[in-house]
PDB file of all heavy atoms in Angstrom:
ATOM      1  N   LEU A   1       0.813  -1.220   0.000  1.00  0.00           N
ATOM      2  CA  LEU A   1       0.000   0.000   0.000  1.00  0.00           C
ATOM      3  C   LEU A   1       0.844   1.266   0.000  1.00  0.00           C
ATOM      4  O   LEU A   1       0.427   2.290  -0.551  1.00  0.00           O
ATOM      5  CB  LEU A   1      -0.921   0.009   1.223  1.00  0.00           C
ATOM      6  CG  LEU A   1      -2.347  -0.480   0.999  1.00  0.00           C
ATOM      7  CD1 LEU A   1      -3.120  -0.455   2.305  1.00  0.00           C
ATOM      8  CD2 LEU A   1      -3.044   0.358  -0.057  1.00  0.00           C
ATOM      9  N   ASP A   2       2.013   1.223   0.597  1.00  0.00           N
ATOM     10  CA  ASP A   2       2.883   2.400   0.586  1.00  0.00           C
ATOM     11  C   ASP A   2       3.297   2.754  -0.841  1.00  0.00           C
ATOM     12  O   ASP A   2       3.333   3.926  -1.216  1.00  0.00           O
ATOM     13  CB  ASP A   2       4.137   2.150   1.440  1.00  0.00           C
ATOM     14  CG  ASP A   2       3.837   2.134   2.926  1.00  0.00           C
ATOM     15  OD1 ASP A   2       3.105   3.017   3.393  1.00  0.00           O
ATOM     16  OD2 ASP A   2       4.341   1.226   3.619  1.00  0.00           O
ATOM     17  N   PHE A   3       3.583   1.741  -1.631  1.00  0.00           N
ATOM     18  CA  PHE A   3       3.958   1.981  -3.030  1.00  0.00           C
ATOM     19  C   PHE A   3       2.759   2.471  -3.837  1.00  0.00           C
ATOM     20  O   PHE A   3       2.888   3.369  -4.680  1.00  0.00           O
ATOM     21  CB  PHE A   3       4.545   0.702  -3.641  1.00  0.00           C
ATOM     22  CG  PHE A   3       5.864   0.297  -3.041  1.00  0.00           C
ATOM     23  CD1 PHE A   3       5.916  -0.596  -1.990  1.00  0.00           C
ATOM     24  CD2 PHE A   3       7.049   0.835  -3.523  1.00  0.00           C
ATOM     25  CE1 PHE A   3       7.123  -0.960  -1.422  1.00  0.00           C
ATOM     26  CE2 PHE A   3       8.267   0.475  -2.973  1.00  0.00           C
ATOM     27  CZ  PHE A   3       8.309  -0.429  -1.912  1.00  0.00           C
ATOM     28  N   SER A   4       1.579   1.896  -3.584  1.00  0.00           N
ATOM     29  CA  SER A   4       0.375   2.346  -4.292  1.00  0.00           C
ATOM     30  C   SER A   4       0.047   3.796  -3.949  1.00  0.00           C
ATOM     31  O   SER A   4      -0.312   4.586  -4.831  1.00  0.00           O
ATOM     32  CB  SER A   4      -0.811   1.442  -3.933  1.00  0.00           C
ATOM     33  OG  SER A   4      -0.619   0.136  -4.427  1.00  0.00           O
ATOM     34  N   ALA A   5       0.173   4.151  -2.682  1.00  0.00           N
ATOM     35  CA  ALA A   5      -0.096   5.537  -2.281  1.00  0.00           C
ATOM     36  C   ALA A   5       0.887   6.493  -2.940  1.00  0.00           C
ATOM     37  O   ALA A   5       0.511   7.567  -3.423  1.00  0.00           O
ATOM     38  CB  ALA A   5      -0.033   5.663  -0.760  1.00  0.00           C
ATOM     39  N   TYR A   6       2.171   6.118  -2.982  1.00  0.00           N
ATOM     40  CA  TYR A   6       3.195   6.940  -3.634  1.00  0.00           C
ATOM     41  C   TYR A   6       2.825   7.166  -5.098  1.00  0.00           C
ATOM     42  O   TYR A   6       2.842   8.300  -5.598  1.00  0.00           O
ATOM     43  CB  TYR A   6       4.549   6.237  -3.509  1.00  0.00           C
ATOM     44  CG  TYR A   6       5.724   7.009  -4.075  1.00  0.00           C
ATOM     45  CD1 TYR A   6       6.589   7.704  -3.240  1.00  0.00           C
ATOM     46  CD2 TYR A   6       5.978   7.023  -5.452  1.00  0.00           C
ATOM     47  CE1 TYR A   6       7.683   8.401  -3.750  1.00  0.00           C
ATOM     48  CE2 TYR A   6       7.054   7.720  -5.975  1.00  0.00           C
ATOM     49  CZ  TYR A   6       7.904   8.407  -5.124  1.00  0.00           C
ATOM     50  OH  TYR A   6       8.973   9.096  -5.641  1.00  0.00           O
ATOM     51  N   ASP A   7       2.482   6.076  -5.796  1.00  0.00           N
ATOM     52  CA  ASP A   7       2.150   6.191  -7.215  1.00  0.00           C
ATOM     53  C   ASP A   7       0.874   7.008  -7.424  1.00  0.00           C
ATOM     54  O   ASP A   7       0.764   7.763  -8.403  1.00  0.00           O
ATOM     55  CB  ASP A   7       1.979   4.798  -7.826  1.00  0.00           C
ATOM     56  CG  ASP A   7       3.301   4.052  -7.948  1.00  0.00           C
ATOM     57  OD1 ASP A   7       4.357   4.711  -7.944  1.00  0.00           O
ATOM     58  OD2 ASP A   7       3.279   2.808  -8.034  1.00  0.00           O
ATOM     59  N   ALA A   8      -0.088   6.857  -6.523  1.00  0.00           N
ATOM     60  CA  ALA A   8      -1.335   7.611  -6.643  1.00  0.00           C
ATOM     61  C   ALA A   8      -1.097   9.110  -6.459  1.00  0.00           C
ATOM     62  O   ALA A   8      -1.643   9.933  -7.205  1.00  0.00           O
ATOM     63  CB  ALA A   8      -2.351   7.108  -5.613  1.00  0.00           C
ATOM     64  N   ILE A   9      -0.284   9.463  -5.492  1.00  0.00           N
ATOM     65  CA  ILE A   9       0.022  10.877  -5.255  1.00  0.00           C
ATOM     66  C   ILE A   9       0.746  11.467  -6.461  1.00  0.00           C
ATOM     67  O   ILE A   9       0.425  12.567  -6.928  1.00  0.00           O
ATOM     68  CB  ILE A   9       0.857  11.032  -3.960  1.00  0.00           C
ATOM     69  CG1 ILE A   9       0.009  10.659  -2.737  1.00  0.00           C
ATOM     70  CG2 ILE A   9       1.383  12.460  -3.828  1.00  0.00           C
ATOM     71  CD1 ILE A   9       0.809  10.484  -1.461  1.00  0.00           C
ATOM     72  N   LYS A  10       1.719  10.740  -6.999  1.00  0.00           N
ATOM     73  CA  LYS A  10       2.446  11.207  -8.174  1.00  0.00           C
ATOM     74  C   LYS A  10       1.520  11.382  -9.375  1.00  0.00           C
ATOM     75  O   LYS A  10       1.721  12.261 -10.217  1.00  0.00           O
ATOM     76  CB  LYS A  10       3.571  10.237  -8.523  1.00  0.00           C
ATOM     77  CG  LYS A  10       4.735  10.231  -7.541  1.00  0.00           C
ATOM     78  CD  LYS A  10       5.539  11.523  -7.639  1.00  0.00           C
ATOM     79  CE  LYS A  10       6.809  11.443  -6.794  1.00  0.00           C
ATOM     80  NZ  LYS A  10       7.570  12.719  -6.837  1.00  0.00           N
ATOM     81  N   ALA A  11       0.488  10.524  -9.460  1.00  0.00           N
ATOM     82  CA  ALA A  11      -0.445  10.583 -10.586  1.00  0.00           C
ATOM     83  C   ALA A  11      -1.473  11.697 -10.432  1.00  0.00           C
ATOM     84  O   ALA A  11      -2.202  11.995 -11.381  1.00  0.00           O
ATOM     85  CB  ALA A  11      -1.156   9.244 -10.744  1.00  0.00           C
ATOM     86  N   GLY A  12      -1.547  12.306  -9.236  1.00  0.00           N
ATOM     87  CA  GLY A  12      -2.434  13.443  -9.047  1.00  0.00           C
ATOM     88  C   GLY A  12      -3.694  13.182  -8.253  1.00  0.00           C
ATOM     89  O   GLY A  12      -4.594  14.038  -8.193  1.00  0.00           O
ATOM     90  N   PHE A  13      -3.799  12.020  -7.611  1.00  0.00           N
ATOM     91  CA  PHE A  13      -4.953  11.784  -6.740  1.00  0.00           C
ATOM     92  C   PHE A  13      -4.880  12.735  -5.550  1.00  0.00           C
ATOM     93  O   PHE A  13      -3.794  13.069  -5.070  1.00  0.00           O
ATOM     94  CB  PHE A  13      -4.978  10.333  -6.259  1.00  0.00           C
ATOM     95  CG  PHE A  13      -5.464   9.361  -7.299  1.00  0.00           C
ATOM     96  CD1 PHE A  13      -4.583   8.803  -8.221  1.00  0.00           C
ATOM     97  CD2 PHE A  13      -6.807   9.016  -7.374  1.00  0.00           C
ATOM     98  CE1 PHE A  13      -5.020   7.920  -9.187  1.00  0.00           C
ATOM     99  CE2 PHE A  13      -7.261   8.129  -8.334  1.00  0.00           C
ATOM    100  CZ  PHE A  13      -6.374   7.585  -9.251  1.00  0.00           C
ATOM    101  N   THR A  14      -6.050  13.168  -5.087  1.00  0.00           N
ATOM    102  CA  THR A  14      -6.098  14.170  -4.020  1.00  0.00           C
ATOM    103  C   THR A  14      -6.611  13.618  -2.687  1.00  0.00           C
ATOM    104  O   THR A  14      -6.560  14.307  -1.672  1.00  0.00           O
ATOM    105  CB  THR A  14      -6.986  15.349  -4.447  1.00  0.00           C
ATOM    106  OG1 THR A  14      -8.261  14.860  -4.888  1.00  0.00           O
ATOM    107  CG2 THR A  14      -6.337  16.122  -5.592  1.00  0.00           C
ATOM    108  N   LYS A  15      -7.102  12.372  -2.698  1.00  0.00           N
ATOM    109  CA  LYS A  15      -7.612  11.764  -1.463  1.00  0.00           C
ATOM    110  C   LYS A  15      -7.542  10.248  -1.603  1.00  0.00           C
ATOM    111  O   LYS A  15      -7.691   9.712  -2.698  1.00  0.00           O
ATOM    112  CB  LYS A  15      -9.061  12.201  -1.196  1.00  0.00           C
ATOM    113  CG  LYS A  15      -9.671  11.631   0.090  1.00  0.00           C
ATOM    114  CD  LYS A  15     -11.023  12.283   0.410  1.00  0.00           C
ATOM    115  CE  LYS A  15     -12.137  11.802  -0.491  1.00  0.00           C
ATOM    116  NZ  LYS A  15     -13.459  12.347  -0.099  1.00  0.00           N
ATOM    117  N   ILE A  16      -7.300   9.567  -0.482  1.00  0.00           N
ATOM    118  CA  ILE A  16      -7.368   8.111  -0.433  1.00  0.00           C
ATOM    119  C   ILE A  16      -8.387   7.707   0.612  1.00  0.00           C
ATOM    120  O   ILE A  16      -8.370   8.213   1.740  1.00  0.00           O
ATOM    121  CB  ILE A  16      -5.997   7.480  -0.109  1.00  0.00           C
ATOM    122  CG1 ILE A  16      -4.971   7.812  -1.203  1.00  0.00           C
ATOM    123  CG2 ILE A  16      -6.121   5.965   0.046  1.00  0.00           C
ATOM    124  CD1 ILE A  16      -3.579   7.266  -0.933  1.00  0.00           C
ATOM    125  N   VAL A  17      -9.287   6.805   0.249  1.00  0.00           N
ATOM    126  CA  VAL A  17     -10.264   6.245   1.182  1.00  0.00           C
ATOM    127  C   VAL A  17      -9.944   4.762   1.344  1.00  0.00           C
ATOM    128  O   VAL A  17      -9.953   4.006   0.371  1.00  0.00           O
ATOM    129  CB  VAL A  17     -11.709   6.429   0.678  1.00  0.00           C
ATOM    130  CG1 VAL A  17     -12.685   5.734   1.629  1.00  0.00           C
ATOM    131  CG2 VAL A  17     -12.048   7.904   0.567  1.00  0.00           C
ATOM    132  N   PHE A  18      -9.652   4.362   2.570  1.00  0.00           N
ATOM    133  CA  PHE A  18      -9.387   2.959   2.865  1.00  0.00           C
ATOM    134  C   PHE A  18     -10.665   2.303   3.353  1.00  0.00           C
ATOM    135  O   PHE A  18     -11.292   2.780   4.310  1.00  0.00           O
ATOM    136  CB  PHE A  18      -8.308   2.830   3.943  1.00  0.00           C
ATOM    137  CG  PHE A  18      -6.946   3.289   3.510  1.00  0.00           C
ATOM    138  CD1 PHE A  18      -6.346   4.390   4.099  1.00  0.00           C
ATOM    139  CD2 PHE A  18      -6.261   2.618   2.502  1.00  0.00           C
ATOM    140  CE1 PHE A  18      -5.083   4.806   3.706  1.00  0.00           C
ATOM    141  CE2 PHE A  18      -4.994   3.037   2.104  1.00  0.00           C
ATOM    142  CZ  PHE A  18      -4.406   4.124   2.699  1.00  0.00           C
ATOM    143  N   VAL A  19     -11.049   1.209   2.713  1.00  0.00           N
ATOM    144  CA  VAL A  19     -12.200   0.420   3.167  1.00  0.00           C
ATOM    145  C   VAL A  19     -11.657  -0.714   4.019  1.00  0.00           C
ATOM    146  O   VAL A  19     -10.944  -1.597   3.523  1.00  0.00           O
ATOM    147  CB  VAL A  19     -13.003  -0.146   1.982  1.00  0.00           C
ATOM    148  CG1 VAL A  19     -14.208  -0.941   2.495  1.00  0.00           C
ATOM    149  CG2 VAL A  19     -13.473   0.974   1.061  1.00  0.00           C
ATOM    150  N   ILE A  20     -11.967  -0.681   5.315  1.00  0.00           N
ATOM    151  CA  ILE A  20     -11.432  -1.673   6.250  1.00  0.00           C
ATOM    152  C   ILE A  20     -12.555  -2.179   7.158  1.00  0.00           C
ATOM    153  O   ILE A  20     -13.702  -1.751   7.045  1.00  0.00           O
ATOM    154  CB  ILE A  20     -10.290  -1.079   7.102  1.00  0.00           C
ATOM    155  CG1 ILE A  20     -10.798   0.098   7.953  1.00  0.00           C
ATOM    156  CG2 ILE A  20      -9.120  -0.637   6.222  1.00  0.00           C
ATOM    157  CD1 ILE A  20      -9.751   0.635   8.930  1.00  0.00           C
ATOM    158  N   LYS A  21     -12.196  -3.098   8.050  1.00  0.00           N
ATOM    159  CA  LYS A  21     -13.105  -3.552   9.099  1.00  0.00           C
ATOM    160  C   LYS A  21     -12.749  -2.825  10.392  1.00  0.00           C
ATOM    161  O   LYS A  21     -11.580  -2.505  10.633  1.00  0.00           O
ATOM    162  CB  LYS A  21     -12.960  -5.058   9.325  1.00  0.00           C
ATOM    163  CG  LYS A  21     -13.345  -5.923   8.138  1.00  0.00           C
ATOM    164  CD  LYS A  21     -13.074  -7.389   8.486  1.00  0.00           C
ATOM    165  CE  LYS A  21     -13.360  -8.299   7.321  1.00  0.00           C
ATOM    166  NZ  LYS A  21     -13.012  -9.709   7.628  1.00  0.00           N
ATOM    167  N   HIS A  22     -13.740  -2.629  11.245  1.00  0.00           N
ATOM    168  CA  HIS A  22     -13.476  -1.941  12.506  1.00  0.00           C
ATOM    169  C   HIS A  22     -12.418  -2.671  13.332  1.00  0.00           C
ATOM    170  O   HIS A  22     -11.603  -2.038  14.018  1.00  0.00           O
ATOM    171  CB  HIS A  22     -14.766  -1.798  13.315  1.00  0.00           C
ATOM    172  CG  HIS A  22     -15.617  -0.650  12.884  1.00  0.00           C
ATOM    173  ND1 HIS A  22     -15.236   0.666  13.050  1.00  0.00           N
ATOM    174  CD2 HIS A  22     -16.830  -0.621  12.276  1.00  0.00           C
ATOM    175  CE1 HIS A  22     -16.177   1.466  12.573  1.00  0.00           C
ATOM    176  NE2 HIS A  22     -17.156   0.713  12.097  1.00  0.00           N
ATOM    177  N   GLU A  23     -12.413  -4.016  13.272  1.00  0.00           N
ATOM    178  CA  GLU A  23     -11.511  -4.749  14.157  1.00  0.00           C
ATOM    179  C   GLU A  23     -10.042  -4.605  13.780  1.00  0.00           C
ATOM    180  O   GLU A  23      -9.169  -4.909  14.596  1.00  0.00           O
ATOM    181  CB  GLU A  23     -11.894  -6.242  14.232  1.00  0.00           C
ATOM    182  CG  GLU A  23     -11.940  -6.965  12.911  1.00  0.00           C
ATOM    183  CD  GLU A  23     -13.360  -7.114  12.385  1.00  0.00           C
ATOM    184  OE1 GLU A  23     -14.152  -6.148  12.509  1.00  0.00           O
ATOM    185  OE2 GLU A  23     -13.675  -8.189  11.836  1.00  0.00           O
ATOM    186  N   ILE A  24      -9.737  -4.153  12.569  1.00  0.00           N
ATOM    187  CA  ILE A  24      -8.324  -3.950  12.207  1.00  0.00           C
ATOM    188  C   ILE A  24      -7.958  -2.468  12.194  1.00  0.00           C
ATOM    189  O   ILE A  24      -6.833  -2.113  11.851  1.00  0.00           O
ATOM    190  CB  ILE A  24      -7.984  -4.590  10.847  1.00  0.00           C
ATOM    191  CG1 ILE A  24      -8.659  -3.832   9.690  1.00  0.00           C
ATOM    192  CG2 ILE A  24      -8.326  -6.066  10.829  1.00  0.00           C
ATOM    193  CD1 ILE A  24      -8.142  -4.228   8.310  1.00  0.00           C
ATOM    194  N   GLU A  25      -8.876  -1.600  12.598  1.00  0.00           N
ATOM    195  CA  GLU A  25      -8.675  -0.158  12.444  1.00  0.00           C
ATOM    196  C   GLU A  25      -7.392   0.332  13.124  1.00  0.00           C
ATOM    197  O   GLU A  25      -6.590   1.039  12.516  1.00  0.00           O
ATOM    198  CB  GLU A  25      -9.883   0.604  12.985  1.00  0.00           C
ATOM    199  CG  GLU A  25      -9.760   2.114  12.838  1.00  0.00           C
ATOM    200  CD  GLU A  25     -10.993   2.856  13.338  1.00  0.00           C
ATOM    201  OE1 GLU A  25     -11.926   2.201  13.842  1.00  0.00           O
ATOM    202  OE2 GLU A  25     -11.012   4.089  13.235  1.00  0.00           O
ATOM    203  N   ALA A  26      -7.202  -0.035  14.391  1.00  0.00           N
ATOM    204  CA  ALA A  26      -6.045   0.483  15.134  1.00  0.00           C
ATOM    205  C   ALA A  26      -4.730   0.034  14.502  1.00  0.00           C
ATOM    206  O   ALA A  26      -3.820   0.845  14.278  1.00  0.00           O
ATOM    207  CB  ALA A  26      -6.118   0.036  16.593  1.00  0.00           C
ATOM    208  N   ASP A  27      -4.625  -1.256  14.188  1.00  0.00           N
ATOM    209  CA  ASP A  27      -3.399  -1.772  13.580  1.00  0.00           C
ATOM    210  C   ASP A  27      -3.183  -1.166  12.199  1.00  0.00           C
ATOM    211  O   ASP A  27      -2.056  -0.800  11.838  1.00  0.00           O
ATOM    212  CB  ASP A  27      -3.472  -3.301  13.457  1.00  0.00           C
ATOM    213  CG  ASP A  27      -3.271  -4.003  14.789  1.00  0.00           C
ATOM    214  OD1 ASP A  27      -2.757  -3.356  15.724  1.00  0.00           O
ATOM    215  OD2 ASP A  27      -3.628  -5.186  14.895  1.00  0.00           O
ATOM    216  N   PHE A  28      -4.249  -1.060  11.422  1.00  0.00           N
ATOM    217  CA  PHE A  28      -4.127  -0.535  10.068  1.00  0.00           C
ATOM    218  C   PHE A  28      -3.616   0.905  10.078  1.00  0.00           C
ATOM    219  O   PHE A  28      -2.719   1.269   9.326  1.00  0.00           O
ATOM    220  CB  PHE A  28      -5.469  -0.617   9.348  1.00  0.00           C
ATOM    221  CG  PHE A  28      -5.394  -0.283   7.887  1.00  0.00           C
ATOM    222  CD1 PHE A  28      -5.186  -1.281   6.952  1.00  0.00           C
ATOM    223  CD2 PHE A  28      -5.507   1.025   7.450  1.00  0.00           C
ATOM    224  CE1 PHE A  28      -5.096  -0.978   5.600  1.00  0.00           C
ATOM    225  CE2 PHE A  28      -5.417   1.344   6.113  1.00  0.00           C
ATOM    226  CZ  PHE A  28      -5.208   0.340   5.176  1.00  0.00           C
TER     227      PHE A  28
END
């Protein structure tokens, strides 16, 4: 995900929304 976020920022994306479960929220 770190590489995907880097590539997304370079491509001009302005926001990232992560779809997760509540039980992994803190670790994620």
